[in-house]
Protein backbone atom coordinates (compact mmCIF):
# COMPACT_ATOMS: atom_id res chain seq x y z
CA MET A 1 57.40 167.95 -23.80
CA ALA A 2 53.83 168.16 -25.07
CA SER A 3 51.01 168.22 -22.56
CA ALA A 4 48.69 165.24 -22.24
CA THR A 5 45.62 165.29 -24.40
CA PRO A 6 42.33 163.76 -23.31
CA ALA A 7 43.00 160.79 -25.58
CA ASP A 8 46.21 159.79 -23.80
CA ALA A 9 45.40 161.00 -20.29
CA PRO A 10 44.99 158.27 -17.68
CA VAL A 11 41.48 157.05 -16.91
CA ALA A 12 40.26 157.29 -13.31
CA LEU A 13 38.40 154.23 -12.06
CA LEU A 14 36.42 154.95 -8.89
CA VAL A 15 35.45 151.88 -6.87
CA SER A 16 34.05 151.34 -3.40
CA GLN A 17 36.85 148.95 -2.45
CA PHE A 18 39.77 147.34 -4.24
CA PRO A 19 40.74 144.62 -4.28
CA ARG A 20 37.83 142.41 -3.37
CA PHE A 21 37.97 138.70 -3.97
CA VAL A 22 34.56 138.76 -5.69
CA ASP A 23 35.58 141.25 -8.41
CA ALA A 24 36.11 138.84 -11.30
CA TYR A 25 34.25 141.11 -13.75
CA PHE A 26 36.22 144.22 -12.74
CA LEU A 27 39.49 142.30 -12.95
CA ARG A 28 38.65 141.18 -16.51
CA GLU A 29 37.85 144.78 -17.46
CA ILE A 30 41.05 146.30 -16.06
CA THR A 31 43.13 143.47 -17.50
CA GLY A 32 41.61 144.31 -20.89
CA LEU A 33 42.37 148.02 -20.43
CA ARG A 34 45.99 147.27 -19.61
CA ARG A 35 46.30 144.86 -22.53
CA ARG A 36 45.05 147.62 -24.87
CA GLY A 37 47.63 150.03 -23.46
CA ILE A 38 45.05 152.27 -21.79
CA ARG A 39 46.57 154.00 -18.77
CA PHE A 40 44.44 154.13 -15.64
CA ARG A 41 44.54 154.61 -11.92
CA ILE A 42 42.14 152.93 -9.50
CA TYR A 43 40.70 155.13 -6.74
CA SER A 44 39.34 153.03 -3.89
CA LEU A 45 37.01 154.68 -1.39
CA ARG A 46 37.89 152.08 1.24
CA ARG A 47 41.05 150.18 1.97
CA PHE A 48 41.09 146.48 1.34
CA ASN A 49 40.24 144.76 4.62
CA GLY A 50 40.48 141.11 3.64
CA ARG A 51 43.38 138.74 3.90
CA VAL A 52 43.02 137.05 0.52
CA VAL A 53 44.00 138.95 -2.62
CA HIS A 54 43.08 137.38 -5.93
CA ASP A 55 46.24 136.66 -7.95
CA ALA A 56 44.80 138.61 -10.89
CA ALA A 57 44.46 141.72 -8.68
CA ARG A 58 48.07 141.80 -7.49
CA PRO A 59 49.49 143.58 -10.60
CA PHE A 60 47.00 146.42 -10.11
CA LEU A 61 47.74 147.20 -6.48
CA ALA A 62 50.46 149.66 -7.55
CA ASP A 63 47.85 151.50 -9.66
CA THR A 64 45.48 151.89 -6.71
CA VAL A 65 45.10 155.08 -4.68
CA TYR A 66 43.27 154.76 -1.39
CA VAL A 67 41.23 157.89 -0.89
CA PRO A 68 41.61 159.42 2.58
CA PHE A 69 38.70 158.99 4.93
CA LEU A 70 35.95 161.59 4.53
CA CYS A 71 36.65 164.77 6.51
CA SER A 72 40.29 163.86 7.01
CA TRP A 73 42.78 166.70 6.89
CA PRO A 74 44.43 165.55 3.61
CA LEU A 75 41.03 165.43 1.90
CA VAL A 76 39.91 168.82 3.25
CA ARG A 77 43.26 170.36 2.28
CA GLU A 78 43.08 169.00 -1.27
CA ASN A 79 39.49 170.18 -1.72
CA LEU A 80 40.47 173.67 -0.55
CA ARG A 81 43.47 173.66 -2.90
CA VAL A 82 41.28 172.81 -5.88
CA LEU A 83 38.52 175.22 -4.82
CA VAL A 84 41.00 178.12 -4.57
CA GLY A 85 43.03 177.14 -7.64
CA ARG A 86 40.16 176.28 -9.96
CA PRO A 87 36.95 177.59 -8.40
CA GLY A 88 34.94 177.39 -11.61
CA ALA A 89 35.79 173.74 -12.20
CA TYR A 90 35.24 172.79 -8.56
CA LEU A 91 31.91 174.60 -8.21
CA GLY A 92 30.82 173.41 -11.65
CA ALA A 93 31.45 169.80 -10.67
CA LEU A 94 29.67 170.29 -7.35
CA GLY A 95 26.74 171.90 -9.17
CA ALA A 96 26.54 168.98 -11.57
CA VAL A 97 26.44 166.55 -8.64
CA VAL A 98 23.65 168.52 -6.97
CA ARG A 99 21.63 168.98 -10.19
CA GLY A 100 22.02 165.31 -11.08
CA SER A 101 20.52 164.07 -7.84
CA LEU A 102 18.43 166.95 -6.54
CA LYS A 103 15.13 165.10 -6.97
CA ARG A 104 16.38 162.09 -5.01
CA PRO A 105 17.40 163.18 -1.48
CA ARG A 106 19.13 159.91 -0.56
CA ALA A 107 21.12 159.93 -3.78
CA LEU A 108 22.02 163.57 -3.17
CA LEU A 109 23.35 162.79 0.31
CA ARG A 110 25.40 159.89 -1.01
CA ALA A 111 26.75 161.95 -3.88
CA LEU A 112 27.72 164.79 -1.55
CA ALA A 113 29.39 162.32 0.79
CA VAL A 114 31.71 161.03 -1.94
CA PHE A 115 32.14 164.30 -3.84
CA PRO A 116 35.27 165.34 -1.94
């Protein structure tokens, strides 16, 4: 079996929370991606805490990964695994985050908080 190329690799969509009832724009976008056959996975930084799920969001719940809470053991373990397994990639990504927001301390803190 051939390995995935960047053109057919799934797209990662990072969102603060999914689903949210007010996400009509995002739902239109991901519906369009699916219609075009683009594979993706949604990474939500927070679990959905509402009771009402928009009908258009239901088909995408299976494509959603809820990121473990910051400083949780699964998140620390995965970061260590990547750091040991691919130190150049991990440190390069961390360096890019720092360089990209170094002149804005608040942005740097936020970026470092979600980097893991």
